[in-house]
């Protein structure tokens, strides 16, 4: 296993729109899929009748100067939009820059010269199917799950906590028969329908699977961009001031695995 340094960040407005737009966004478009975890944290899914539940998109925040207390975002249709800085429904879509870029790029090019999708690190993303969820909840009651010692951190605020600053909320990671997961208490007033087709309501405890994060590789800019929006519930005016490495709690060393080539 190789050891290397890397930093989490957000994309700048100039990397998403305009003449310096990232090549991966020229190819893949600017829409971003929202995960179940982000919805549970207050992210607002955008959906059309033709969309599967796992294909819903979202607002995601980009880095730019505030304009009259509004911040720039990409909306669910992939269009530029500004929204109020105190809102929490916009999601974070991390980018990662590597200091050891030669190693990263050489490693990827050994697999393919095209645009790649890779797996790097893990994060809570989607719920289990209903049968698996029931089995895991029974195991929790019976004390047949183990804590891994890993913790994921989000904001404790709900969508209408407009004035409340960032207050950490910890989610312990558990393991049951090789499956890693967290338990999220859903705190929003409005019910939400997640990718397993089940509707969750305020107060429900939801089992969210920890799974590999999928990233799109931009070889020219030497960065990788999360394919999905991973987290929500942080006020837009605070998102830029929070160290993303604190949110995307990561292991000291992680392997990169080339998953599949998207385009030649």
C-alpha atoms as a PDB file:
ATOM      1  CA  UNK A   1       0.000   0.000   0.000  1.00  0.00           C
ATOM      2  CA  UNK A   2       1.321   3.427  -1.002  1.00  0.00           C
ATOM      3  CA  UNK A   3       1.264   6.408   1.325  1.00  0.00           C
ATOM      4  CA  UNK A   4       0.638   9.893  -0.083  1.00  0.00           C
ATOM      5  CA  UNK A   5      -0.760  13.291   0.790  1.00  0.00           C
ATOM      6  CA  UNK A   6      -4.019  14.684  -0.543  1.00  0.00           C
ATOM      7  CA  UNK A   7      -6.365  17.574   0.196  1.00  0.00           C
ATOM      8  CA  UNK A   8     -10.129  17.855  -0.036  1.00  0.00           C
ATOM      9  CA  UNK A   9     -11.603  20.994  -1.561  1.00  0.00           C
ATOM     10  CA  UNK A  10     -14.593  22.335  -3.498  1.00  0.00           C
ATOM     11  CA  UNK A  11     -14.606  23.387  -7.135  1.00  0.00           C
ATOM     12  CA  UNK A  12     -14.314  27.071  -7.933  1.00  0.00           C
ATOM     13  CA  UNK A  13     -16.972  28.785 -10.020  1.00  0.00           C
ATOM     14  CA  UNK A  14     -14.453  29.215 -12.860  1.00  0.00           C
ATOM     15  CA  UNK A  15     -13.889  25.441 -12.958  1.00  0.00           C
ATOM     16  CA  UNK A  16     -17.598  24.768 -13.475  1.00  0.00           C
ATOM     17  CA  UNK A  17     -18.620  27.568 -15.852  1.00  0.00           C
ATOM     18  CA  UNK A  18     -16.785  29.636 -18.438  1.00  0.00           C
ATOM     19  CA  UNK A  19     -13.680  29.145 -20.601  1.00  0.00           C
ATOM     20  CA  UNK A  20     -11.749  27.281 -17.865  1.00  0.00           C
ATOM     21  CA  UNK A  21     -14.457  24.706 -17.234  1.00  0.00           C
ATOM     22  CA  UNK A  22     -13.070  21.305 -16.290  1.00  0.00           C
ATOM     23  CA  UNK A  23     -12.880  18.762 -19.077  1.00  0.00           C
ATOM     24  CA  UNK A  24     -14.700  16.148 -16.998  1.00  0.00           C
ATOM     25  CA  UNK A  25     -17.667  18.526 -16.694  1.00  0.00           C
ATOM     26  CA  UNK A  26     -17.602  19.222 -20.436  1.00  0.00           C
ATOM     27  CA  UNK A  27     -17.899  15.479 -20.974  1.00  0.00           C
ATOM     28  CA  UNK A  28     -20.170  14.434 -18.108  1.00  0.00           C
ATOM     29  CA  UNK A  29     -22.230  17.603 -17.623  1.00  0.00           C
ATOM     30  CA  UNK A  30     -22.709  19.604 -14.427  1.00  0.00           C
ATOM     31  CA  UNK A  31     -25.670  17.727 -12.925  1.00  0.00           C
ATOM     32  CA  UNK A  32     -24.834  15.812  -9.767  1.00  0.00           C
ATOM     33  CA  UNK A  33     -26.660  12.851  -8.219  1.00  0.00           C
ATOM     34  CA  UNK A  34     -27.689  13.154  -4.581  1.00  0.00           C
ATOM     35  CA  UNK A  35     -27.091  10.286  -2.162  1.00  0.00           C
ATOM     36  CA  UNK A  36     -29.572   9.043   0.425  1.00  0.00           C
ATOM     37  CA  UNK A  37     -27.259  10.265   3.187  1.00  0.00           C
ATOM     38  CA  UNK A  38     -27.299  13.806   1.796  1.00  0.00           C
ATOM     39  CA  UNK A  39     -31.125  13.701   1.623  1.00  0.00           C
ATOM     40  CA  UNK A  40     -31.320  12.568   5.250  1.00  0.00           C
ATOM     41  CA  UNK A  41     -29.157  15.544   6.208  1.00  0.00           C
ATOM     42  CA  UNK A  42     -31.528  17.991   4.537  1.00  0.00           C
ATOM     43  CA  UNK A  43     -30.374  17.995   0.917  1.00  0.00           C
ATOM     44  CA  UNK A  44     -33.198  18.718  -1.503  1.00  0.00           C
ATOM     45  CA  UNK A  45     -33.496  16.225  -4.386  1.00  0.00           C
ATOM     46  CA  UNK A  46     -34.520  17.390  -7.844  1.00  0.00           C
ATOM     47  CA  UNK A  47     -36.527  14.816  -9.743  1.00  0.00           C
ATOM     48  CA  UNK A  48     -38.374  14.311 -12.997  1.00  0.00           C
ATOM     49  CA  UNK A  49     -40.888  11.583 -13.777  1.00  0.00           C
ATOM     50  CA  UNK A  50     -38.336   9.643 -15.839  1.00  0.00           C
ATOM     51  CA  UNK A  51     -35.751   9.496 -13.038  1.00  0.00           C
ATOM     52  CA  UNK A  52     -35.081   6.452 -10.909  1.00  0.00           C
ATOM     53  CA  UNK A  53     -34.782   7.207  -7.186  1.00  0.00           C
ATOM     54  CA  UNK A  54     -31.010   6.720  -7.366  1.00  0.00           C
ATOM     55  CA  UNK A  55     -30.730   9.150 -10.288  1.00  0.00           C
ATOM     56  CA  UNK A  56     -32.182  12.251  -8.598  1.00  0.00           C
ATOM     57  CA  UNK A  57     -29.980  15.318  -8.793  1.00  0.00           C
ATOM     58  CA  UNK A  58     -29.448  18.253  -6.447  1.00  0.00           C
ATOM     59  CA  UNK A  59     -28.084  21.708  -5.788  1.00  0.00           C
ATOM     60  CA  UNK A  60     -24.353  21.584  -5.124  1.00  0.00           C
ATOM     61  CA  UNK A  61     -22.220  24.411  -3.826  1.00  0.00           C
ATOM     62  CA  UNK A  62     -19.288  25.933  -5.704  1.00  0.00           C
ATOM     63  CA  UNK A  63     -16.639  28.213  -4.294  1.00  0.00           C
ATOM     64  CA  UNK A  64     -17.006  31.898  -5.110  1.00  0.00           C
ATOM     65  CA  UNK A  65     -17.461  35.292  -3.496  1.00  0.00           C
ATOM     66  CA  UNK A  66     -20.783  36.048  -1.820  1.00  0.00           C
ATOM     67  CA  UNK A  67     -23.019  38.373  -3.792  1.00  0.00           C
ATOM     68  CA  UNK A  68     -25.474  40.301  -1.571  1.00  0.00           C
ATOM     69  CA  UNK A  69     -25.718  37.357   0.847  1.00  0.00           C
ATOM     70  CA  UNK A  70     -26.275  34.906  -2.003  1.00  0.00           C
ATOM     71  CA  UNK A  71     -23.905  32.108  -2.956  1.00  0.00           C
ATOM     72  CA  UNK A  72     -23.466  30.399  -6.330  1.00  0.00           C
ATOM     73  CA  UNK A  73     -24.633  26.819  -6.826  1.00  0.00           C
ATOM     74  CA  UNK A  74     -25.273  24.348  -9.586  1.00  0.00           C
ATOM     75  CA  UNK A  75     -28.973  23.469  -9.532  1.00  0.00           C
ATOM     76  CA  UNK A  76     -30.628  20.119 -10.208  1.00  0.00           C
ATOM     77  CA  UNK A  77     -30.752  20.814 -13.943  1.00  0.00           C
ATOM     78  CA  UNK A  78     -27.040  21.618 -14.039  1.00  0.00           C
ATOM     79  CA  UNK A  79     -27.642  25.345 -14.421  1.00  0.00           C
ATOM     80  CA  UNK A  80     -25.971  28.202 -12.547  1.00  0.00           C
ATOM     81  CA  UNK A  81     -28.109  29.636  -9.739  1.00  0.00           C
ATOM     82  CA  UNK A  82     -27.576  31.751  -6.648  1.00  0.00           C
ATOM     83  CA  UNK A  83     -29.320  30.944  -3.363  1.00  0.00           C
ATOM     84  CA  UNK A  84     -29.450  32.506   0.095  1.00  0.00           C
ATOM     85  CA  UNK A  85     -26.281  32.024   2.104  1.00  0.00           C
ATOM     86  CA  UNK A  86     -28.125  30.845   5.232  1.00  0.00           C
ATOM     87  CA  UNK A  87     -29.815  27.865   3.539  1.00  0.00           C
ATOM     88  CA  UNK A  88     -28.754  24.262   4.210  1.00  0.00           C
ATOM     89  CA  UNK A  89     -30.311  22.319   1.319  1.00  0.00           C
ATOM     90  CA  UNK A  90     -27.350  22.632  -1.038  1.00  0.00           C
ATOM     91  CA  UNK A  91     -24.942  19.688  -1.091  1.00  0.00           C
ATOM     92  CA  UNK A  92     -21.172  19.393  -1.010  1.00  0.00           C
ATOM     93  CA  UNK A  93     -19.400  17.645  -3.870  1.00  0.00           C
ATOM     94  CA  UNK A  94     -15.741  17.282  -2.911  1.00  0.00           C
ATOM     95  CA  UNK A  95     -12.718  17.449  -5.165  1.00  0.00           C
ATOM     96  CA  UNK A  96      -9.328  16.036  -4.215  1.00  0.00           C
ATOM     97  CA  UNK A  97      -5.972  17.423  -5.262  1.00  0.00           C
ATOM     98  CA  UNK A  98      -2.947  15.202  -4.792  1.00  0.00           C
ATOM     99  CA  UNK A  99       0.497  16.490  -3.944  1.00  0.00           C
ATOM    100  CA  UNK A 100       2.063  13.335  -5.418  1.00  0.00           C
ATOM    101  CA  UNK A 101       0.458  13.912  -8.787  1.00  0.00           C
ATOM    102  CA  UNK A 102       3.045  11.964 -10.772  1.00  0.00           C
ATOM    103  CA  UNK A 103       2.269   8.790  -8.847  1.00  0.00           C
ATOM    104  CA  UNK A 104      -1.482   9.262  -9.180  1.00  0.00           C
ATOM    105  CA  UNK A 105      -1.441  10.004 -12.892  1.00  0.00           C
ATOM    106  CA  UNK A 106       1.089   7.272 -13.701  1.00  0.00           C
ATOM    107  CA  UNK A 107      -1.028   4.783 -11.772  1.00  0.00           C
ATOM    108  CA  UNK A 108      -4.177   5.689 -13.670  1.00  0.00           C
ATOM    109  CA  UNK A 109      -2.549   5.745 -17.087  1.00  0.00           C
ATOM    110  CA  UNK A 110      -1.358   2.210 -16.569  1.00  0.00           C
ATOM    111  CA  UNK A 111      -5.014   1.231 -16.793  1.00  0.00           C
ATOM    112  CA  UNK A 112      -6.314   3.469 -19.569  1.00  0.00           C
ATOM    113  CA  UNK A 113      -5.755   6.725 -21.408  1.00  0.00           C
ATOM    114  CA  UNK A 114      -9.443   7.665 -21.305  1.00  0.00           C
ATOM    115  CA  UNK A 115     -11.549   9.464 -18.711  1.00  0.00           C
ATOM    116  CA  UNK A 116     -11.723   7.222 -15.692  1.00  0.00           C
ATOM    117  CA  UNK A 117     -13.998   6.516 -12.777  1.00  0.00           C
ATOM    118  CA  UNK A 118     -12.084   5.381  -9.716  1.00  0.00           C
ATOM    119  CA  UNK A 119     -12.896   4.307  -6.185  1.00  0.00           C
ATOM    120  CA  UNK A 120     -11.082   6.123  -3.400  1.00  0.00           C
ATOM    121  CA  UNK A 121     -12.010   6.098   0.271  1.00  0.00           C
ATOM    122  CA  UNK A 122     -15.412   5.239   1.747  1.00  0.00           C
ATOM    123  CA  UNK A 123     -18.400   7.228   3.015  1.00  0.00           C
ATOM    124  CA  UNK A 124     -22.047   6.642   4.046  1.00  0.00           C
ATOM    125  CA  UNK A 125     -24.099   6.973   0.869  1.00  0.00           C
ATOM    126  CA  UNK A 126     -27.148   4.776   0.298  1.00  0.00           C
ATOM    127  CA  UNK A 127     -29.621   2.811   2.396  1.00  0.00           C
ATOM    128  CA  UNK A 128     -29.866  -0.973   2.339  1.00  0.00           C
ATOM    129  CA  UNK A 129     -32.842  -2.692   0.761  1.00  0.00           C
ATOM    130  CA  UNK A 130     -35.750  -3.133   3.158  1.00  0.00           C
ATOM    131  CA  UNK A 131     -34.987  -6.781   3.961  1.00  0.00           C
ATOM    132  CA  UNK A 132     -31.336  -6.065   4.795  1.00  0.00           C
ATOM    133  CA  UNK A 133     -32.320  -3.017   6.841  1.00  0.00           C
ATOM    134  CA  UNK A 134     -34.699  -5.137   8.933  1.00  0.00           C
ATOM    135  CA  UNK A 135     -32.006  -7.787   9.485  1.00  0.00           C
ATOM    136  CA  UNK A 136     -29.455  -5.199  10.621  1.00  0.00           C
ATOM    137  CA  UNK A 137     -31.914  -3.488  12.978  1.00  0.00           C
ATOM    138  CA  UNK A 138     -32.663  -6.865  14.586  1.00  0.00           C
ATOM    139  CA  UNK A 139     -28.932  -7.479  14.997  1.00  0.00           C
ATOM    140  CA  UNK A 140     -28.569  -4.060  16.657  1.00  0.00           C
ATOM    141  CA  UNK A 141     -31.305  -4.892  19.167  1.00  0.00           C
ATOM    142  CA  UNK A 142     -29.673  -8.248  19.903  1.00  0.00           C
ATOM    143  CA  UNK A 143     -26.223  -6.665  20.297  1.00  0.00           C
ATOM    144  CA  UNK A 144     -24.726  -8.618  17.413  1.00  0.00           C
ATOM    145  CA  UNK A 145     -22.990  -5.694  15.707  1.00  0.00           C
ATOM    146  CA  UNK A 146     -19.546  -4.264  16.380  1.00  0.00           C
ATOM    147  CA  UNK A 147     -18.333  -0.679  16.489  1.00  0.00           C
ATOM    148  CA  UNK A 148     -15.405  -0.118  14.113  1.00  0.00           C
ATOM    149  CA  UNK A 149     -14.078   2.935  15.980  1.00  0.00           C
ATOM    150  CA  UNK A 150     -14.626   5.199  12.974  1.00  0.00           C
ATOM    151  CA  UNK A 151     -16.888   8.254  13.226  1.00  0.00           C
ATOM    152  CA  UNK A 152     -18.434  10.435  10.509  1.00  0.00           C
ATOM    153  CA  UNK A 153     -19.203  14.070  11.324  1.00  0.00           C
ATOM    154  CA  UNK A 154     -22.026  16.229   9.968  1.00  0.00           C
ATOM    155  CA  UNK A 155     -23.855  19.378  11.066  1.00  0.00           C
ATOM    156  CA  UNK A 156     -26.626  18.868  13.613  1.00  0.00           C
ATOM    157  CA  UNK A 157     -28.876  21.604  12.183  1.00  0.00           C
ATOM    158  CA  UNK A 158     -32.115  21.028  10.262  1.00  0.00           C
ATOM    159  CA  UNK A 159     -33.137  22.922   7.132  1.00  0.00           C
ATOM    160  CA  UNK A 160     -34.784  25.870   8.926  1.00  0.00           C
ATOM    161  CA  UNK A 161     -32.008  26.450  11.482  1.00  0.00           C
ATOM    162  CA  UNK A 162     -31.062  29.601   9.609  1.00  0.00           C
ATOM    163  CA  UNK A 163     -29.116  31.262  12.434  1.00  0.00           C
ATOM    164  CA  UNK A 164     -27.575  28.211  14.088  1.00  0.00           C
ATOM    165  CA  UNK A 165     -23.854  27.814  13.458  1.00  0.00           C
ATOM    166  CA  UNK A 166     -22.065  24.566  12.741  1.00  0.00           C
ATOM    167  CA  UNK A 167     -22.487  22.086  15.604  1.00  0.00           C
ATOM    168  CA  UNK A 168     -20.949  18.674  15.014  1.00  0.00           C
ATOM    169  CA  UNK A 169     -23.099  15.582  14.982  1.00  0.00           C
ATOM    170  CA  UNK A 170     -21.260  12.274  15.165  1.00  0.00           C
ATOM    171  CA  UNK A 171     -22.309   9.062  13.464  1.00  0.00           C
ATOM    172  CA  UNK A 172     -20.573   5.933  14.705  1.00  0.00           C
ATOM    173  CA  UNK A 173     -19.676   3.279  12.173  1.00  0.00           C
ATOM    174  CA  UNK A 174     -20.775  -0.307  12.863  1.00  0.00           C
ATOM    175  CA  UNK A 175     -20.111  -3.631  11.187  1.00  0.00           C
ATOM    176  CA  UNK A 176     -22.361  -6.653  10.760  1.00  0.00           C
ATOM    177  CA  UNK A 177     -21.304  -9.685   8.721  1.00  0.00           C
ATOM    178  CA  UNK A 178     -18.798  -7.644   6.741  1.00  0.00           C
ATOM    179  CA  UNK A 179     -21.215  -4.791   6.049  1.00  0.00           C
ATOM    180  CA  UNK A 180     -20.279  -1.382   7.431  1.00  0.00           C
ATOM    181  CA  UNK A 181     -22.969   1.180   8.189  1.00  0.00           C
ATOM    182  CA  UNK A 182     -24.104   4.077  10.352  1.00  0.00           C
ATOM    183  CA  UNK A 183     -27.439   4.914  11.969  1.00  0.00           C
ATOM    184  CA  UNK A 184     -28.923   8.295  11.063  1.00  0.00           C
ATOM    185  CA  UNK A 185     -31.865   9.761  12.933  1.00  0.00           C
ATOM    186  CA  UNK A 186     -33.985  11.628  10.412  1.00  0.00           C
ATOM    187  CA  UNK A 187     -34.760  15.076  11.863  1.00  0.00           C
ATOM    188  CA  UNK A 188     -36.519  16.912   9.047  1.00  0.00           C
ATOM    189  CA  UNK A 189     -40.264  17.679   9.188  1.00  0.00           C
ATOM    190  CA  UNK A 190     -41.098  16.522   5.666  1.00  0.00           C
ATOM    191  CA  UNK A 191     -41.026  12.784   4.859  1.00  0.00           C
ATOM    192  CA  UNK A 192     -38.431  11.604   2.353  1.00  0.00           C
ATOM    193  CA  UNK A 193     -38.396   8.672  -0.045  1.00  0.00           C
ATOM    194  CA  UNK A 194     -35.006   7.003  -0.406  1.00  0.00           C
ATOM    195  CA  UNK A 195     -33.476   4.710  -3.019  1.00  0.00           C
ATOM    196  CA  UNK A 196     -34.972   1.528  -1.513  1.00  0.00           C
ATOM    197  CA  UNK A 197     -38.455   2.913  -2.160  1.00  0.00           C
ATOM    198  CA  UNK A 198     -39.268   3.356   1.524  1.00  0.00           C
ATOM    199  CA  UNK A 199     -40.649   6.601   2.939  1.00  0.00           C
ATOM    200  CA  UNK A 200     -38.925   7.796   6.138  1.00  0.00           C
ATOM    201  CA  UNK A 201     -40.397  10.263   8.608  1.00  0.00           C
ATOM    202  CA  UNK A 202     -39.100  12.497  11.364  1.00  0.00           C
ATOM    203  CA  UNK A 203     -37.646  10.443  14.196  1.00  0.00           C
ATOM    204  CA  UNK A 204     -36.971   7.328  12.086  1.00  0.00           C
ATOM    205  CA  UNK A 205     -33.579   5.702  12.549  1.00  0.00           C
ATOM    206  CA  UNK A 206     -32.178   4.914   9.128  1.00  0.00           C
ATOM    207  CA  UNK A 207     -29.409   2.413   8.359  1.00  0.00           C
ATOM    208  CA  UNK A 208     -27.005   3.896   5.791  1.00  0.00           C
ATOM    209  CA  UNK A 209     -24.407   1.707   4.099  1.00  0.00           C
ATOM    210  CA  UNK A 210     -20.749   2.795   4.055  1.00  0.00           C
ATOM    211  CA  UNK A 211     -19.422   2.178   0.562  1.00  0.00           C
ATOM    212  CA  UNK A 212     -16.534   3.225  -1.728  1.00  0.00           C
ATOM    213  CA  UNK A 213     -16.681   6.779  -3.061  1.00  0.00           C
ATOM    214  CA  UNK A 214     -16.686   7.017  -6.850  1.00  0.00           C
ATOM    215  CA  UNK A 215     -14.627   9.786  -8.412  1.00  0.00           C
ATOM    216  CA  UNK A 216     -14.175  11.206 -11.898  1.00  0.00           C
ATOM    217  CA  UNK A 217     -10.583  11.849 -12.920  1.00  0.00           C
ATOM    218  CA  UNK A 218      -9.489  15.083 -14.607  1.00  0.00           C
ATOM    219  CA  UNK A 219      -6.016  14.299 -15.860  1.00  0.00           C
ATOM    220  CA  UNK A 220      -5.352  17.828 -17.127  1.00  0.00           C
ATOM    221  CA  UNK A 221      -6.095  19.506 -13.778  1.00  0.00           C
ATOM    222  CA  UNK A 222      -4.688  16.584 -11.756  1.00  0.00           C
ATOM    223  CA  UNK A 223      -7.742  16.261  -9.551  1.00  0.00           C
ATOM    224  CA  UNK A 224     -10.573  13.883  -8.905  1.00  0.00           C
ATOM    225  CA  UNK A 225     -14.191  14.991  -8.420  1.00  0.00           C
ATOM    226  CA  UNK A 226     -16.813  13.043  -6.507  1.00  0.00           C
ATOM    227  CA  UNK A 227     -19.358  11.572  -8.893  1.00  0.00           C
ATOM    228  CA  UNK A 228     -22.140  12.128  -6.342  1.00  0.00           C
ATOM    229  CA  UNK A 229     -23.018  14.778  -3.771  1.00  0.00           C
ATOM    230  CA  UNK A 230     -21.978  13.256  -0.462  1.00  0.00           C
ATOM    231  CA  UNK A 231     -23.217  15.511   2.324  1.00  0.00           C
ATOM    232  CA  UNK A 232     -25.688  18.333   3.009  1.00  0.00           C
ATOM    233  CA  UNK A 233     -27.145  20.262   5.936  1.00  0.00           C
ATOM    234  CA  UNK A 234     -24.347  22.825   6.328  1.00  0.00           C
ATOM    235  CA  UNK A 235     -25.277  26.481   5.895  1.00  0.00           C
ATOM    236  CA  UNK A 236     -23.880  27.815   2.618  1.00  0.00           C
ATOM    237  CA  UNK A 237     -22.190  30.695   4.422  1.00  0.00           C
ATOM    238  CA  UNK A 238     -20.217  28.231   6.560  1.00  0.00           C
ATOM    239  CA  UNK A 239     -19.444  25.464   4.077  1.00  0.00           C
ATOM    240  CA  UNK A 240     -16.420  27.303   2.672  1.00  0.00           C
ATOM    241  CA  UNK A 241     -14.901  27.781   6.150  1.00  0.00           C
ATOM    242  CA  UNK A 242     -15.099  24.159   7.290  1.00  0.00           C
ATOM    243  CA  UNK A 243     -12.130  21.942   6.617  1.00  0.00           C
ATOM    244  CA  UNK A 244     -13.564  19.288   4.268  1.00  0.00           C
ATOM    245  CA  UNK A 245     -11.123  16.742   5.663  1.00  0.00           C
ATOM    246  CA  UNK A 246     -13.014  17.111   8.943  1.00  0.00           C
ATOM    247  CA  UNK A 247     -16.295  16.203   7.248  1.00  0.00           C
ATOM    248  CA  UNK A 248     -14.971  13.479   4.984  1.00  0.00           C
ATOM    249  CA  UNK A 249     -13.252  11.630   7.823  1.00  0.00           C
ATOM    250  CA  UNK A 250     -10.600   9.544   6.115  1.00  0.00           C
ATOM    251  CA  UNK A 251      -8.197   6.738   6.851  1.00  0.00           C
ATOM    252  CA  UNK A 252      -4.478   7.483   7.049  1.00  0.00           C
ATOM    253  CA  UNK A 253      -3.764   5.404   3.971  1.00  0.00           C
ATOM    254  CA  UNK A 254      -6.184   4.403   1.272  1.00  0.00           C
ATOM    255  CA  UNK A 255      -5.856   2.482  -1.951  1.00  0.00           C
ATOM    256  CA  UNK A 256      -6.955   3.801  -5.293  1.00  0.00           C
ATOM    257  CA  UNK A 257      -8.775   1.289  -7.429  1.00  0.00           C
ATOM    258  CA  UNK A 258      -9.550   1.929 -11.075  1.00  0.00           C
ATOM    259  CA  UNK A 259     -13.228   1.011 -11.439  1.00  0.00           C
ATOM    260  CA  UNK A 260     -14.164   1.593 -15.058  1.00  0.00           C
ATOM    261  CA  UNK A 261     -13.394   3.734 -18.064  1.00  0.00           C
ATOM    262  CA  UNK A 262     -16.194   6.132 -18.915  1.00  0.00           C
ATOM    263  CA  UNK A 263     -15.038   7.663 -22.206  1.00  0.00           C
ATOM    264  CA  UNK A 264     -12.270   7.242 -24.729  1.00  0.00           C
END
